[in-house]
Structures are given as C-alpha cells and as structure tokens.
Amino acid sequence: MKYLIGGIAIASIISIVYGFSLGKEAEVLANKYIGAGTVGLFLVAMPLFLVKESKGKKMKDYMLTEENIRKMQGKEGENTDSQ
C-alpha cells in the first residue's frame, strides 16, 4: 500500500512539474497536467495515506472534549460540573 501511495504522489508531482514546464506554448495541455497532478495528490494519495496511517487509532483521543481538556490541564480527577 505504501508503494502505491508513493507512486501516486511521485506521478502527481511529476505531472505538475511537467505542466509548469510546458509554459505558454500549450497552455490548455499544461493546465490539464497541473490539474491532474493536483487531483492525484490531494484527492487520491492524501486520503489513501490518511486511511493507512489512522488504521487502529481511536478518533476520540484526538477530539477536543471536556475529558481531554481536563487531561491536558492535569486535572484528571476533578469534577468541573459545580461551576
């Protein structure tokens, strides 16, 4: 999976660089290469990477809840409902 993601990312970057290197001679084609590279990078490679890296992790640990705020402040056992 990591080789697939890496391949997509490298191909997308190459496509973007190639699109910029075409310049004004073939502006429509250059825009297509830049757009395809951007789509590949941000709509294909990034979500695949995030799914691969977040597998097995609990999203609750990364959300800003009252419980997590108390943990960050070091007030693990205190009750804040009496305010």
C-alpha atoms as a PDB file:
ATOM      1  CA  MET A   1       0.000   0.000   0.000  1.00  0.00           C
ATOM      2  CA  LYS A   2       2.796   2.441   0.839  1.00  0.00           C
ATOM      3  CA  TYR A   3       4.414   1.848  -2.560  1.00  0.00           C
ATOM      4  CA  LEU A   4       1.109   2.558  -4.301  1.00  0.00           C
ATOM      5  CA  ILE A   5       0.663   5.801  -2.367  1.00  0.00           C
ATOM      6  CA  GLY A   6       4.270   6.790  -3.019  1.00  0.00           C
ATOM      7  CA  GLY A   7       3.903   6.040  -6.720  1.00  0.00           C
ATOM      8  CA  ILE A   8       0.748   8.129  -6.991  1.00  0.00           C
ATOM      9  CA  ALA A   9       2.381  11.014  -5.129  1.00  0.00           C
ATOM     10  CA  ILE A  10       5.518  10.936  -7.299  1.00  0.00           C
ATOM     11  CA  ALA A  11       3.484  10.663 -10.517  1.00  0.00           C
ATOM     12  CA  SER A  12       1.335  13.601  -9.411  1.00  0.00           C
ATOM     13  CA  ILE A  13       4.352  15.768  -8.615  1.00  0.00           C
ATOM     14  CA  ILE A  14       5.950  14.881 -11.947  1.00  0.00           C
ATOM     15  CA  SER A  15       2.711  15.764 -13.718  1.00  0.00           C
ATOM     16  CA  ILE A  16       2.562  19.155 -12.001  1.00  0.00           C
ATOM     17  CA  VAL A  17       6.204  19.940 -12.813  1.00  0.00           C
ATOM     18  CA  TYR A  18       5.720  18.849 -16.429  1.00  0.00           C
ATOM     19  CA  GLY A  19       2.631  21.040 -16.698  1.00  0.00           C
ATOM     20  CA  PHE A  20       4.597  24.063 -15.477  1.00  0.00           C
ATOM     21  CA  SER A  21       7.455  23.282 -17.849  1.00  0.00           C
ATOM     22  CA  LEU A  22       5.157  23.345 -20.904  1.00  0.00           C
ATOM     23  CA  GLY A  23       4.568  27.054 -20.406  1.00  0.00           C
ATOM     24  CA  LYS A  24       2.618  29.251 -22.797  1.00  0.00           C
ATOM     25  CA  GLU A  25       3.083  27.095 -25.921  1.00  0.00           C
ATOM     26  CA  ALA A  26       0.423  24.570 -24.893  1.00  0.00           C
ATOM     27  CA  GLU A  27      -1.452  26.344 -22.140  1.00  0.00           C
ATOM     28  CA  VAL A  28      -4.554  24.132 -22.243  1.00  0.00           C
ATOM     29  CA  LEU A  29      -2.493  20.942 -22.083  1.00  0.00           C
ATOM     30  CA  ALA A  30      -0.310  22.396 -19.316  1.00  0.00           C
ATOM     31  CA  ASN A  31      -3.398  23.219 -17.249  1.00  0.00           C
ATOM     32  CA  LYS A  32      -4.665  19.652 -17.700  1.00  0.00           C
ATOM     33  CA  TYR A  33      -1.373  18.185 -16.439  1.00  0.00           C
ATOM     34  CA  ILE A  34      -1.304  20.561 -13.459  1.00  0.00           C
ATOM     35  CA  GLY A  35      -4.938  19.796 -12.624  1.00  0.00           C
ATOM     36  CA  ALA A  36      -4.494  16.039 -12.939  1.00  0.00           C
ATOM     37  CA  GLY A  37      -1.429  16.156 -10.702  1.00  0.00           C
ATOM     38  CA  THR A  38      -3.260  18.197  -8.099  1.00  0.00           C
ATOM     39  CA  VAL A  39      -6.247  15.839  -8.132  1.00  0.00           C
ATOM     40  CA  GLY A  40      -3.960  12.840  -7.852  1.00  0.00           C
ATOM     41  CA  LEU A  41      -2.075  14.338  -4.957  1.00  0.00           C
ATOM     42  CA  PHE A  42      -4.925  15.748  -2.890  1.00  0.00           C
ATOM     43  CA  LEU A  43      -7.931  13.621  -3.798  1.00  0.00           C
ATOM     44  CA  VAL A  44      -6.253  10.223  -4.226  1.00  0.00           C
ATOM     45  CA  ALA A  45      -2.867   9.988  -2.491  1.00  0.00           C
ATOM     46  CA  MET A  46      -3.665  12.031   0.624  1.00  0.00           C
ATOM     47  CA  PRO A  47      -6.895  10.179   1.561  1.00  0.00           C
ATOM     48  CA  LEU A  48      -5.198   6.824   0.963  1.00  0.00           C
ATOM     49  CA  PHE A  49      -2.314   7.892   3.188  1.00  0.00           C
ATOM     50  CA  LEU A  50      -4.657   9.100   5.936  1.00  0.00           C
ATOM     51  CA  VAL A  51      -6.667   5.866   5.880  1.00  0.00           C
ATOM     52  CA  LYS A  52      -3.474   3.800   6.033  1.00  0.00           C
ATOM     53  CA  GLU A  53      -1.959   5.781   8.902  1.00  0.00           C
ATOM     54  CA  SER A  54      -5.121   6.116  11.000  1.00  0.00           C
ATOM     55  CA  LYS A  55      -5.981   2.417  10.967  1.00  0.00           C
ATOM     56  CA  GLY A  56      -6.377   1.150  14.536  1.00  0.00           C
ATOM     57  CA  LYS A  57      -6.466   4.591  16.173  1.00  0.00           C
ATOM     58  CA  LYS A  58      -9.398   5.926  18.149  1.00  0.00           C
ATOM     59  CA  MET A  59     -10.721   9.263  16.866  1.00  0.00           C
ATOM     60  CA  LYS A  60     -11.977  10.082  20.376  1.00  0.00           C
ATOM     61  CA  ASP A  61      -8.365  10.512  21.521  1.00  0.00           C
ATOM     62  CA  TYR A  62      -7.856  13.337  19.007  1.00  0.00           C
ATOM     63  CA  MET A  63     -11.111  15.244  19.607  1.00  0.00           C
ATOM     64  CA  LEU A  64     -11.306  18.254  21.904  1.00  0.00           C
ATOM     65  CA  THR A  65     -13.749  17.086  24.604  1.00  0.00           C
ATOM     66  CA  GLU A  66     -14.148  18.152  28.238  1.00  0.00           C
ATOM     67  CA  GLU A  67     -12.423  14.958  29.359  1.00  0.00           C
ATOM     68  CA  ASN A  68      -9.416  15.551  27.094  1.00  0.00           C
ATOM     69  CA  ILE A  69      -9.181  19.217  28.132  1.00  0.00           C
ATOM     70  CA  ARG A  70      -9.010  18.147  31.794  1.00  0.00           C
ATOM     71  CA  LYS A  71      -6.301  15.604  30.928  1.00  0.00           C
ATOM     72  CA  MET A  72      -4.238  18.289  29.170  1.00  0.00           C
ATOM     73  CA  GLN A  73      -4.598  20.660  32.124  1.00  0.00           C
ATOM     74  CA  GLY A  74      -3.588  17.946  34.586  1.00  0.00           C
ATOM     75  CA  LYS A  75      -6.967  17.928  36.363  1.00  0.00           C
ATOM     76  CA  GLU A  76      -7.651  14.229  35.859  1.00  0.00           C
ATOM     77  CA  GLY A  77      -9.794  13.533  38.918  1.00  0.00           C
ATOM     78  CA  GLU A  78     -11.503  16.893  39.490  1.00  0.00           C
ATOM     79  CA  ASN A  79     -15.169  17.484  38.744  1.00  0.00           C
ATOM     80  CA  THR A  80     -15.888  20.757  36.927  1.00  0.00           C
ATOM     81  CA  ASP A  81     -19.709  20.462  36.943  1.00  0.00           C
ATOM     82  CA  SER A  82     -20.050  22.569  40.128  1.00  0.00           C
ATOM     83  CA  GLN A  83     -19.180  25.854  38.356  1.00  0.00           C
END
